[in-house]
Amino acid sequence: MDIACTIEEEKLFERVAKAADRMAVSCYLIGGFVRDKLLNRPCKDVDIVCTGDGIALAHAVADTLRPKPTVSFFKTFGTAQFRMNGFDVEFVGARKESYSSHSRKPDVTAGTIEDDQLRRDFTINALAISLNKSDYGKLVDPFNGIKDLEDKIIRTPLGPDITFSDDPLRMMRAIRFATQLNFEIYPETFEAITRNKERIRIISKERITDELNKIIMAVKPSIGFDLLFRSGLLKEIFPQMVDLSGVEIVEGKGHKDNFYHTLQVLDNVANRSDSLWLRWAAILHDIGKPATKRFEDGHGWTFHGHEVVGQKMTSRIFRELKLPQHEQMKYVAKLVALHLRPISLSKEDITDSAMRRLLFDAGDDLEDLMILCESDITSKNKLKVKRYLENFELVKERLKAVEEKDQVRNWQPPVDGDEIMQMFNIPPSRQVGVIKTALREAILDGIIPNEREAAYKYVLDIAAGLGLQAVNKS
């Protein structure tokens, strides 16, 4: 075979070949599996195309396997798939496609392997390996995809305007593959993305965001965001991020380009964490800066309160991009809101109270917050970065010491709301809230220790000031 396969893969492909031969249809390995094998990348998705009924071929292959896998099939699309030994194996009949201007859903008719390769998005994804008896294992490469792999080029089989107009999501895929593989987009192909960027509007937000998340999860996601920005696609799909770009100079004073700063922070986080949502926090940490940018005489540019504005924007952006609206969004919004806090603690006169408050507010997300904040330390001045990072290490050490002493992270008050209501025989009310808040603030400020006896006595004192008298003794 023209690609190196494992014994398990060879056995599977031989079964497919025999089943196709019995059915008198031609079949081929195609697409991402072939590409990734040639690039020595791991791949568990196997795509097989045949000149006939892909669903029937899937069932015929499944019948030869023990234990027999369950075949899922979709008559409308003529596709079928099953899972075997960790592989997702998908079958489809070779086809021709034609598109209308208002939809990325094609009209499909049966076709040859050449027709099927021609409809593929990029030359490197049109590579096929024959599974036919006459030329088993032979590479079928009508568009010089091998040369593009060697040259690290993303290029379309057809004219790029046709490819991208037919299915505009391919513009996102081009940038995603360039990011994941660290390839260049062929100049003519990139120019076509720029020309056709508005066509992305016919694509659902869910599909756009799926590609965007794959870019974000790349080793160096800034590659993709830079391409999205320069092509104009980013303005179509995520205009709030484009608003970060540019530098304004007044009285000789300029601010940094917050778009490219954000990309550097994103790459820094990507070097430290595989968490998609922590990477989203990096993307959104300064998203409130355009709305809060001001020039103050004698001081320069300020972005006061951008973390609060950014926290509020997070929910709206997640909703627009069809991202999860629950725990993941709350997590990202929380990190955006808190991202300035740790670095501010590097000042010498910061109290233990401020440390306790950060531990309390960050809770289980403290480590992720610290990764974000450390990643946010960027400058062309290496000595300045070194000094900030050294100060940041001192903050981490001090947070650890305060946490060990006071144990306020994920803290639950020694006296809770239910007990307060029982102590004074009162229903849920504003008075309960006032007492709970006062108790929390007293512990965080170090007025009383984080202990039950001290907390109980403090609650009695606060309640007395509100005219309440305990009915239960503890």
Protein backbone atom coordinates (compact mmCIF):
# COMPACT_ATOMS: atom_id res chain seq x y z
CA MET A 1 0.00 0.00 0.00
CA ASP A 2 1.22 3.56 -0.70
CA ILE A 3 0.57 4.45 2.95
CA ALA A 4 1.83 2.73 6.10
CA CYS A 5 -1.01 0.99 7.94
CA THR A 6 -1.27 -1.04 11.12
CA ILE A 7 -2.17 -4.72 11.02
CA GLU A 8 -5.69 -3.89 12.27
CA GLU A 9 -6.14 -1.30 9.53
CA GLU A 10 -4.88 -3.69 6.84
CA LYS A 11 -7.31 -6.40 8.00
CA LEU A 12 -10.22 -3.95 7.86
CA PHE A 13 -9.30 -2.69 4.40
CA GLU A 14 -8.92 -6.24 3.08
CA ARG A 15 -12.43 -7.06 4.31
CA VAL A 16 -13.78 -3.93 2.63
CA ALA A 17 -11.98 -4.84 -0.60
CA LYS A 18 -13.39 -8.39 -0.62
CA ALA A 19 -16.93 -7.19 0.13
CA ALA A 20 -16.71 -4.58 -2.66
CA ASP A 21 -15.38 -7.21 -5.06
CA ARG A 22 -18.30 -9.53 -4.27
CA MET A 23 -20.70 -6.62 -4.93
CA ALA A 24 -18.82 -5.71 -8.14
CA VAL A 25 -18.27 -2.09 -7.06
CA SER A 26 -15.08 -0.04 -6.96
CA CYS A 27 -14.06 1.41 -3.61
CA TYR A 28 -11.37 3.68 -2.21
CA LEU A 29 -9.99 5.05 1.03
CA ILE A 30 -10.29 8.82 0.74
CA GLY A 31 -9.84 12.14 2.49
CA GLY A 32 -8.52 12.85 5.95
CA PHE A 33 -7.33 9.32 6.75
CA VAL A 34 -5.09 9.23 3.67
CA ARG A 35 -3.86 12.78 4.29
CA ASP A 36 -3.04 12.15 7.94
CA LYS A 37 -1.30 8.84 7.23
CA LEU A 38 0.95 10.60 4.72
CA LEU A 39 1.66 13.29 7.33
CA ASN A 40 2.26 10.69 10.09
CA ARG A 41 -0.60 12.15 12.10
CA PRO A 42 -2.92 9.94 14.20
CA CYS A 43 -6.34 9.39 12.66
CA LYS A 44 -9.26 7.26 13.78
CA ASP A 45 -11.80 8.36 11.17
CA VAL A 46 -11.82 6.16 8.06
CA ASP A 47 -13.78 7.35 5.02
CA ILE A 48 -14.53 4.89 2.23
CA VAL A 49 -16.16 5.89 -1.05
CA CYS A 50 -17.57 3.38 -3.54
CA THR A 51 -19.10 3.57 -7.00
CA GLY A 52 -22.41 2.18 -5.84
CA ASP A 53 -24.50 1.82 -2.69
CA GLY A 54 -22.40 2.89 0.29
CA ILE A 55 -25.03 1.74 2.78
CA ALA A 56 -25.15 -1.75 1.27
CA LEU A 57 -21.34 -1.97 1.33
CA ALA A 58 -21.26 -0.96 5.01
CA HIS A 59 -23.71 -3.74 5.88
CA ALA A 60 -21.77 -6.26 3.78
CA VAL A 61 -18.51 -5.42 5.60
CA ALA A 62 -20.20 -5.44 9.02
CA ASP A 63 -21.55 -8.95 8.31
CA THR A 64 -17.97 -10.25 8.10
CA LEU A 65 -16.89 -8.83 11.47
CA ARG A 66 -17.10 -10.51 14.89
CA PRO A 67 -18.53 -9.15 17.03
CA LYS A 68 -20.74 -7.60 14.38
CA PRO A 69 -20.86 -3.81 14.75
CA THR A 70 -24.09 -1.84 14.65
CA VAL A 71 -24.43 0.03 11.37
CA SER A 72 -25.95 3.52 11.52
CA PHE A 73 -27.15 4.73 8.17
CA PHE A 74 -28.79 7.80 6.67
CA LYS A 75 -30.74 7.09 3.48
CA THR A 76 -31.18 10.78 2.67
CA PHE A 77 -27.41 11.27 2.43
CA GLY A 78 -26.53 7.74 1.28
CA THR A 79 -24.06 7.32 4.13
CA ALA A 80 -23.48 4.60 6.71
CA GLN A 81 -21.01 4.12 9.52
CA PHE A 82 -19.95 1.75 12.25
CA ARG A 83 -17.33 1.68 15.00
CA MET A 84 -14.67 -1.03 15.15
CA ASN A 85 -11.51 -1.32 17.27
CA GLY A 86 -11.51 2.38 18.01
CA PHE A 87 -12.09 3.39 14.38
CA ASP A 88 -15.12 5.29 13.08
CA VAL A 89 -15.63 3.84 9.59
CA GLU A 90 -17.92 5.73 7.21
CA PHE A 91 -19.13 4.59 3.79
CA VAL A 92 -20.64 6.71 1.03
CA GLY A 93 -21.39 6.29 -2.64
CA ALA A 94 -19.31 8.36 -5.08
CA ARG A 95 -21.29 11.40 -6.15
CA LYS A 96 -21.55 14.60 -8.10
CA GLU A 97 -22.79 17.77 -6.41
CA SER A 98 -24.41 20.97 -7.62
CA TYR A 99 -25.33 23.94 -5.46
CA SER A 100 -27.83 26.80 -5.43
CA SER A 101 -26.75 30.29 -4.38
CA HIS A 102 -28.76 30.38 -1.14
CA SER A 103 -27.75 27.07 0.45
CA ARG A 104 -24.69 24.92 1.14
CA LYS A 105 -26.83 21.78 0.78
CA PRO A 106 -26.08 20.31 -2.65
CA ASP A 107 -28.20 18.42 -5.15
CA VAL A 108 -26.51 15.03 -5.28
CA THR A 109 -26.35 12.45 -8.07
CA ALA A 110 -24.33 9.24 -8.38
CA GLY A 111 -20.89 9.70 -9.89
CA THR A 112 -17.43 8.25 -10.42
CA ILE A 113 -14.42 8.39 -8.12
CA GLU A 114 -13.16 11.27 -10.29
CA ASP A 115 -16.44 13.14 -9.71
CA ASP A 116 -16.14 12.51 -5.98
CA GLN A 117 -12.56 13.76 -5.79
CA LEU A 118 -13.50 16.86 -7.78
CA ARG A 119 -16.16 17.83 -5.21
CA ARG A 120 -13.66 17.67 -2.32
CA ASP A 121 -12.69 20.90 -0.57
CA PHE A 122 -8.89 20.79 -0.91
CA THR A 123 -6.33 18.88 -2.95
CA ILE A 124 -4.84 17.33 0.20
CA ASN A 125 -8.31 15.98 1.09
CA ALA A 126 -8.94 14.58 -2.40
CA LEU A 127 -6.23 11.94 -2.12
CA ALA A 128 -7.53 8.37 -2.46
CA ILE A 129 -6.12 4.85 -2.09
CA SER A 130 -7.59 2.09 -4.25
CA LEU A 131 -9.06 -0.95 -2.50
CA ASN A 132 -9.76 -2.67 -5.82
CA LYS A 133 -8.21 -6.03 -6.78
CA SER A 134 -6.67 -4.65 -9.98
CA ASP A 135 -4.62 -1.91 -8.27
CA TYR A 136 -5.02 -2.45 -4.51
CA GLY A 137 -3.09 0.11 -2.47
CA LYS A 138 -2.40 2.51 -5.34
CA LEU A 139 -2.58 6.25 -4.63
CA VAL A 140 -5.06 8.16 -6.79
CA ASP A 141 -3.99 11.82 -6.88
CA PRO A 142 -5.53 13.80 -9.79
CA PHE A 143 -4.80 17.27 -8.33
CA ASN A 144 -1.19 16.92 -7.15
CA GLY A 145 -2.28 16.71 -3.52
CA ILE A 146 0.99 14.96 -2.65
CA LYS A 147 2.94 17.95 -3.97
CA ASP A 148 0.74 20.29 -1.89
CA LEU A 149 1.39 18.15 1.19
CA GLU A 150 5.11 18.39 0.56
CA ASP A 151 4.90 22.14 -0.05
CA LYS A 152 2.52 22.60 2.91
CA ILE A 153 -0.11 24.31 0.79
CA ILE A 154 -3.91 24.52 1.17
CA ARG A 155 -5.42 24.72 -2.33
CA THR A 156 -8.78 23.86 -3.90
CA PRO A 157 -9.26 21.25 -6.68
CA LEU A 158 -11.68 23.51 -8.56
CA GLY A 159 -11.41 27.27 -8.93
CA PRO A 160 -11.54 28.60 -5.36
CA ASP A 161 -14.43 30.99 -6.05
CA ILE A 162 -16.57 28.03 -7.12
CA THR A 163 -15.47 25.93 -4.14
CA PHE A 164 -16.18 28.65 -1.58
CA SER A 165 -19.35 29.95 -3.15
CA ASP A 166 -20.77 26.42 -3.31
CA ASP A 167 -20.01 25.69 0.35
CA PRO A 168 -18.81 28.78 2.27
CA LEU A 169 -17.95 26.70 5.33
CA ARG A 170 -14.92 25.55 3.33
CA MET A 171 -13.40 29.00 3.93
CA MET A 172 -13.41 28.27 7.66
CA ARG A 173 -12.05 24.78 6.98
CA ALA A 174 -9.20 26.18 4.89
CA ILE A 175 -8.13 28.37 7.79
CA ARG A 176 -8.65 25.55 10.28
CA PHE A 177 -6.41 23.16 8.30
CA ALA A 178 -3.79 25.88 7.82
CA THR A 179 -3.80 26.37 11.60
CA GLN A 180 -3.77 22.70 12.61
CA LEU A 181 -1.18 21.63 10.03
CA ASN A 182 0.84 24.87 10.04
CA PHE A 183 0.34 25.10 6.24
CA GLU A 184 0.10 28.16 4.02
CA ILE A 185 -3.10 28.97 2.15
CA TYR A 186 -2.28 29.28 -1.57
CA PRO A 187 -2.45 33.01 -2.50
CA GLU A 188 -5.20 32.55 -5.09
CA THR A 189 -7.19 30.50 -2.57
CA PHE A 190 -6.79 33.11 0.18
CA GLU A 191 -7.82 35.92 -2.17
CA ALA A 192 -10.98 33.96 -2.98
CA ILE A 193 -11.79 33.70 0.74
CA THR A 194 -11.50 37.49 0.94
CA ARG A 195 -13.80 37.90 -2.07
CA ASN A 196 -16.39 35.41 -0.82
CA LYS A 197 -16.34 36.21 2.91
CA GLU A 198 -19.93 37.48 2.97
CA ARG A 199 -21.14 34.08 1.74
CA ILE A 200 -20.42 32.76 5.26
CA ARG A 201 -23.72 34.36 6.30
CA ILE A 202 -25.70 31.42 4.86
CA ILE A 203 -23.91 29.01 7.22
CA SER A 204 -25.44 28.20 10.59
CA LYS A 205 -23.76 29.63 13.68
CA GLU A 206 -23.36 26.13 15.09
CA ARG A 207 -21.22 24.97 12.14
CA ILE A 208 -19.15 28.17 12.14
CA THR A 209 -18.50 27.87 15.87
CA ASP A 210 -17.57 24.20 15.51
CA GLU A 211 -14.79 25.20 13.09
CA LEU A 212 -13.83 28.15 15.30
CA ASN A 213 -13.45 25.86 18.31
CA LYS A 214 -11.20 23.55 16.30
CA ILE A 215 -9.01 26.55 15.45
CA ILE A 216 -8.95 27.55 19.12
CA MET A 217 -7.84 24.04 20.10
CA ALA A 218 -4.88 24.06 17.70
CA VAL A 219 -1.31 24.11 19.03
CA LYS A 220 -0.96 27.76 17.95
CA PRO A 221 -4.48 29.20 17.53
CA SER A 222 -3.22 32.71 16.71
CA ILE A 223 -2.39 31.48 13.19
CA GLY A 224 -6.08 30.90 12.51
CA PHE A 225 -7.31 34.12 14.09
CA ASP A 226 -4.78 36.16 12.12
CA LEU A 227 -6.00 34.50 8.88
CA LEU A 228 -9.64 35.06 9.87
CA PHE A 229 -8.85 38.71 10.57
CA ARG A 230 -6.86 39.39 7.39
CA SER A 231 -9.41 37.63 5.19
CA GLY A 232 -12.33 39.62 6.61
CA LEU A 233 -14.09 36.49 7.84
CA LEU A 234 -13.62 37.41 11.50
CA LYS A 235 -15.61 40.60 11.06
CA GLU A 236 -18.46 38.52 9.61
CA ILE A 237 -18.52 35.91 12.38
CA PHE A 238 -17.12 37.67 15.47
CA PRO A 239 -17.07 41.47 15.00
CA GLN A 240 -16.47 42.21 18.69
CA MET A 241 -13.01 40.70 18.40
CA VAL A 242 -12.19 42.82 15.35
CA ASP A 243 -13.06 45.91 17.40
CA LEU A 244 -9.96 45.18 19.50
CA SER A 245 -7.67 45.84 16.55
CA GLY A 246 -5.70 48.98 15.79
CA VAL A 247 -3.66 51.56 17.64
CA GLU A 248 -4.75 55.13 18.32
CA ILE A 249 -2.19 57.84 19.10
CA VAL A 250 -3.00 61.11 20.89
CA GLU A 251 -0.37 63.60 22.01
CA GLY A 252 2.30 61.09 21.09
CA LYS A 253 0.83 58.41 23.34
CA GLY A 254 -0.53 55.19 21.90
CA HIS A 255 -1.95 52.00 23.36
CA LYS A 256 -1.00 48.50 22.27
CA ASP A 257 -2.98 46.70 19.59
CA ASN A 258 -5.35 44.74 21.80
CA PHE A 259 -6.23 42.30 19.03
CA TYR A 260 -2.69 41.04 18.59
CA HIS A 261 -2.13 41.21 22.35
CA THR A 262 -5.16 38.92 22.74
CA LEU A 263 -3.68 36.47 20.22
CA GLN A 264 -0.44 36.38 22.20
CA VAL A 265 -2.36 35.72 25.43
CA LEU A 266 -4.33 32.97 23.65
CA ASP A 267 -1.13 31.28 22.48
CA ASN A 268 0.34 31.60 25.97
CA VAL A 269 -2.70 29.89 27.48
CA ALA A 270 -2.60 27.22 24.75
CA ASN A 271 0.99 26.45 25.79
CA ARG A 272 -0.21 25.87 29.36
CA SER A 273 -3.65 24.28 29.02
CA ASP A 274 -5.80 22.15 26.72
CA SER A 275 -9.02 23.60 28.14
CA LEU A 276 -11.26 25.03 25.40
CA TRP A 277 -13.05 27.29 27.88
CA LEU A 278 -9.87 28.67 29.43
CA ARG A 279 -8.79 29.52 25.88
CA TRP A 280 -12.13 31.28 25.36
CA ALA A 281 -11.44 33.27 28.53
CA ALA A 282 -8.14 34.35 26.95
CA ILE A 283 -10.00 35.44 23.81
CA LEU A 284 -12.53 37.47 25.79
CA HIS A 285 -10.40 38.79 28.65
CA ASP A 286 -10.00 42.25 27.04
CA ILE A 287 -13.17 42.21 24.92
CA GLY A 288 -14.56 45.15 26.96
CA LYS A 289 -11.64 47.46 26.13
CA PRO A 290 -13.08 49.14 22.99
CA ALA A 291 -16.18 50.23 24.94
CA THR A 292 -14.12 51.62 27.84
CA LYS A 293 -11.22 53.24 25.99
CA ARG A 294 -10.60 56.83 27.07
CA PHE A 295 -7.74 59.30 26.73
CA GLU A 296 -7.01 61.19 29.92
CA ASP A 297 -4.89 64.36 29.74
CA GLY A 298 -1.62 63.94 31.55
CA HIS A 299 -2.15 60.21 31.93
CA GLY A 300 -2.77 58.61 28.55
CA TRP A 301 -5.08 55.79 27.52
CA THR A 302 -7.26 54.05 30.09
CA PHE A 303 -9.68 51.13 29.97
CA HIS A 304 -11.29 51.47 33.39
CA GLY A 305 -13.87 48.80 34.12
CA HIS A 306 -13.22 46.79 30.96
CA GLU A 307 -13.30 43.59 32.98
CA VAL A 308 -16.86 44.35 34.15
CA VAL A 309 -18.00 45.26 30.63
CA GLY A 310 -16.26 42.13 29.30
CA GLN A 311 -18.05 39.94 31.83
CA LYS A 312 -21.41 41.28 30.61
CA MET A 313 -20.43 40.88 26.95
CA THR A 314 -19.47 37.23 27.45
CA SER A 315 -23.06 36.05 27.81
CA ARG A 316 -24.14 37.90 24.66
CA ILE A 317 -21.22 36.61 22.61
CA PHE A 318 -21.82 33.04 23.77
CA ARG A 319 -25.48 33.38 22.82
CA GLU A 320 -24.66 34.81 19.37
CA LEU A 321 -22.14 32.06 18.64
CA LYS A 322 -24.45 29.32 19.97
CA LEU A 323 -21.94 28.40 22.66
CA PRO A 324 -23.17 26.80 25.92
CA GLN A 325 -25.11 29.25 28.07
CA HIS A 326 -24.68 27.52 31.41
CA GLU A 327 -21.60 26.37 33.33
CA GLN A 328 -19.08 27.03 30.55
CA MET A 329 -20.33 30.57 29.95
CA LYS A 330 -20.41 31.35 33.68
CA TYR A 331 -16.85 30.03 34.03
CA VAL A 332 -15.54 32.21 31.17
CA ALA A 333 -17.42 35.29 32.41
CA LYS A 334 -16.01 34.75 35.91
CA LEU A 335 -12.41 34.58 34.65
CA VAL A 336 -12.93 37.68 32.50
CA ALA A 337 -14.27 39.55 35.52
CA LEU A 338 -11.37 38.47 37.75
CA HIS A 339 -8.47 38.61 35.31
CA LEU A 340 -7.01 41.87 36.68
CA ARG A 341 -7.17 40.87 40.32
CA PRO A 342 -4.09 38.62 40.77
CA ILE A 343 -1.60 40.99 39.16
CA SER A 344 -2.89 43.85 41.31
CA LEU A 345 -1.95 41.78 44.36
CA SER A 346 1.74 42.06 43.51
CA LYS A 347 1.94 45.45 45.25
CA GLU A 348 3.77 45.42 48.58
CA ASP A 349 0.98 46.96 50.67
CA ILE A 350 -1.74 44.48 49.66
CA THR A 351 -3.44 42.99 52.72
CA ASP A 352 -4.28 39.40 53.55
CA SER A 353 -7.91 40.49 53.26
CA ALA A 354 -7.48 41.11 49.52
CA MET A 355 -5.87 37.70 49.18
CA ARG A 356 -8.76 36.05 51.03
CA ARG A 357 -11.29 37.79 48.81
CA LEU A 358 -9.60 36.51 45.65
CA LEU A 359 -9.46 32.98 47.06
CA PHE A 360 -13.14 33.22 47.93
CA ASP A 361 -14.22 34.71 44.59
CA ALA A 362 -12.11 32.38 42.40
CA GLY A 363 -12.82 29.16 44.30
CA ASP A 364 -12.03 26.03 42.27
CA ASP A 365 -11.09 28.16 39.27
CA LEU A 366 -8.13 29.85 40.98
CA GLU A 367 -5.48 27.78 39.15
CA ASP A 368 -7.08 28.54 35.77
CA LEU A 369 -7.32 32.22 36.67
CA MET A 370 -3.63 32.24 37.52
CA ILE A 371 -2.79 30.63 34.16
CA LEU A 372 -4.82 33.33 32.38
CA CYS A 373 -3.23 36.15 34.35
CA GLU A 374 0.30 34.85 33.90
CA SER A 375 -0.41 34.49 30.16
CA ASP A 376 -1.60 38.10 30.11
CA ILE A 377 1.89 39.33 31.00
CA THR A 378 3.14 40.34 27.55
CA SER A 379 5.64 42.94 26.44
CA LYS A 380 8.42 43.36 23.88
CA ASN A 381 10.59 44.34 26.85
CA LYS A 382 11.91 41.00 28.13
CA LEU A 383 13.22 42.50 31.36
CA LYS A 384 9.79 43.97 32.11
CA VAL A 385 8.14 40.57 31.51
CA LYS A 386 10.75 38.88 33.73
CA ARG A 387 10.07 41.36 36.55
CA TYR A 388 6.29 40.91 36.28
CA LEU A 389 6.60 37.12 36.27
CA GLU A 390 8.83 37.20 39.35
CA ASN A 391 6.26 39.38 41.15
CA PHE A 392 3.55 37.00 40.06
CA GLU A 393 5.39 34.08 41.64
CA LEU A 394 5.40 36.00 44.92
CA VAL A 395 1.63 36.49 44.61
CA LYS A 396 1.15 32.74 44.11
CA GLU A 397 3.27 31.98 47.16
CA ARG A 398 1.34 34.45 49.29
CA LEU A 399 -2.03 33.12 48.11
CA LYS A 400 -0.91 29.63 49.06
CA ALA A 401 0.14 30.80 52.53
CA VAL A 402 -3.15 32.65 53.15
CA GLU A 403 -5.18 29.69 51.91
CA GLU A 404 -3.34 27.29 54.22
CA LYS A 405 -3.90 29.65 57.16
CA ASP A 406 -7.49 30.78 56.57
CA GLN A 407 -9.01 28.08 54.33
CA VAL A 408 -11.46 30.38 52.59
CA ARG A 409 -11.36 28.90 49.10
CA ASN A 410 -14.78 27.32 48.31
CA TRP A 411 -15.61 28.50 51.79
CA GLN A 412 -19.02 27.90 53.36
CA PRO A 413 -19.74 30.19 56.33
CA PRO A 414 -19.65 28.49 59.76
CA VAL A 415 -23.20 29.77 60.30
CA ASP A 416 -25.48 29.57 57.26
CA GLY A 417 -28.82 31.18 56.37
CA ASP A 418 -30.94 28.28 57.62
CA GLU A 419 -29.32 28.40 61.04
CA ILE A 420 -29.71 32.18 61.22
CA MET A 421 -33.46 31.81 60.59
CA GLN A 422 -33.70 29.14 63.30
CA MET A 423 -31.63 31.20 65.77
CA PHE A 424 -33.99 34.16 65.55
CA ASN A 425 -37.18 32.40 64.43
CA ILE A 426 -37.49 34.56 61.31
CA PRO A 427 -38.50 33.68 57.73
CA PRO A 428 -36.31 34.28 54.64
CA SER A 429 -35.90 38.04 54.60
CA ARG A 430 -33.62 41.01 54.02
CA GLN A 431 -32.44 40.71 57.63
CA VAL A 432 -31.06 37.21 56.96
CA GLY A 433 -29.16 38.57 53.94
CA VAL A 434 -27.72 41.45 55.95
CA ILE A 435 -26.44 39.09 58.66
CA LYS A 436 -24.95 36.63 56.14
CA THR A 437 -23.18 39.44 54.27
CA ALA A 438 -21.81 40.98 57.45
CA LEU A 439 -20.49 37.60 58.61
CA ARG A 440 -18.82 36.90 55.26
CA GLU A 441 -17.19 40.34 55.14
CA ALA A 442 -15.95 40.04 58.73
CA ILE A 443 -14.22 36.74 58.01
CA LEU A 444 -12.76 37.92 54.69
CA ASP A 445 -11.52 41.13 56.30
CA GLY A 446 -9.92 39.18 59.12
CA ILE A 447 -12.09 40.82 61.81
CA ILE A 448 -12.96 37.38 63.14
CA PRO A 449 -11.34 33.98 62.47
CA ASN A 450 -12.98 31.45 60.16
CA GLU A 451 -14.29 29.43 63.12
CA ARG A 452 -17.78 28.49 64.29
CA GLU A 453 -17.65 29.90 67.81
CA ALA A 454 -16.39 33.30 66.67
CA ALA A 455 -18.89 33.34 63.80
CA TYR A 456 -21.80 32.46 66.10
CA LYS A 457 -20.95 35.29 68.52
CA TYR A 458 -20.56 37.74 65.62
CA VAL A 459 -23.99 36.79 64.25
CA LEU A 460 -25.53 37.50 67.68
CA ASP A 461 -23.88 40.94 67.76
CA ILE A 462 -25.03 41.87 64.24
CA ALA A 463 -28.56 40.60 64.91
CA ALA A 464 -28.77 42.61 68.13
CA GLY A 465 -28.05 45.73 66.11
CA LEU A 466 -31.03 44.82 63.93
CA GLY A 467 -33.27 44.39 66.96
CA LEU A 468 -33.29 40.60 66.82
CA GLN A 469 -33.00 38.30 69.81
CA ALA A 470 -31.92 34.67 69.65
CA VAL A 471 -34.48 32.04 70.59
CA ASN A 472 -32.08 29.09 70.36
CA LYS A 473 -28.79 28.76 72.18
CA SER A 474 -25.78 26.95 70.71
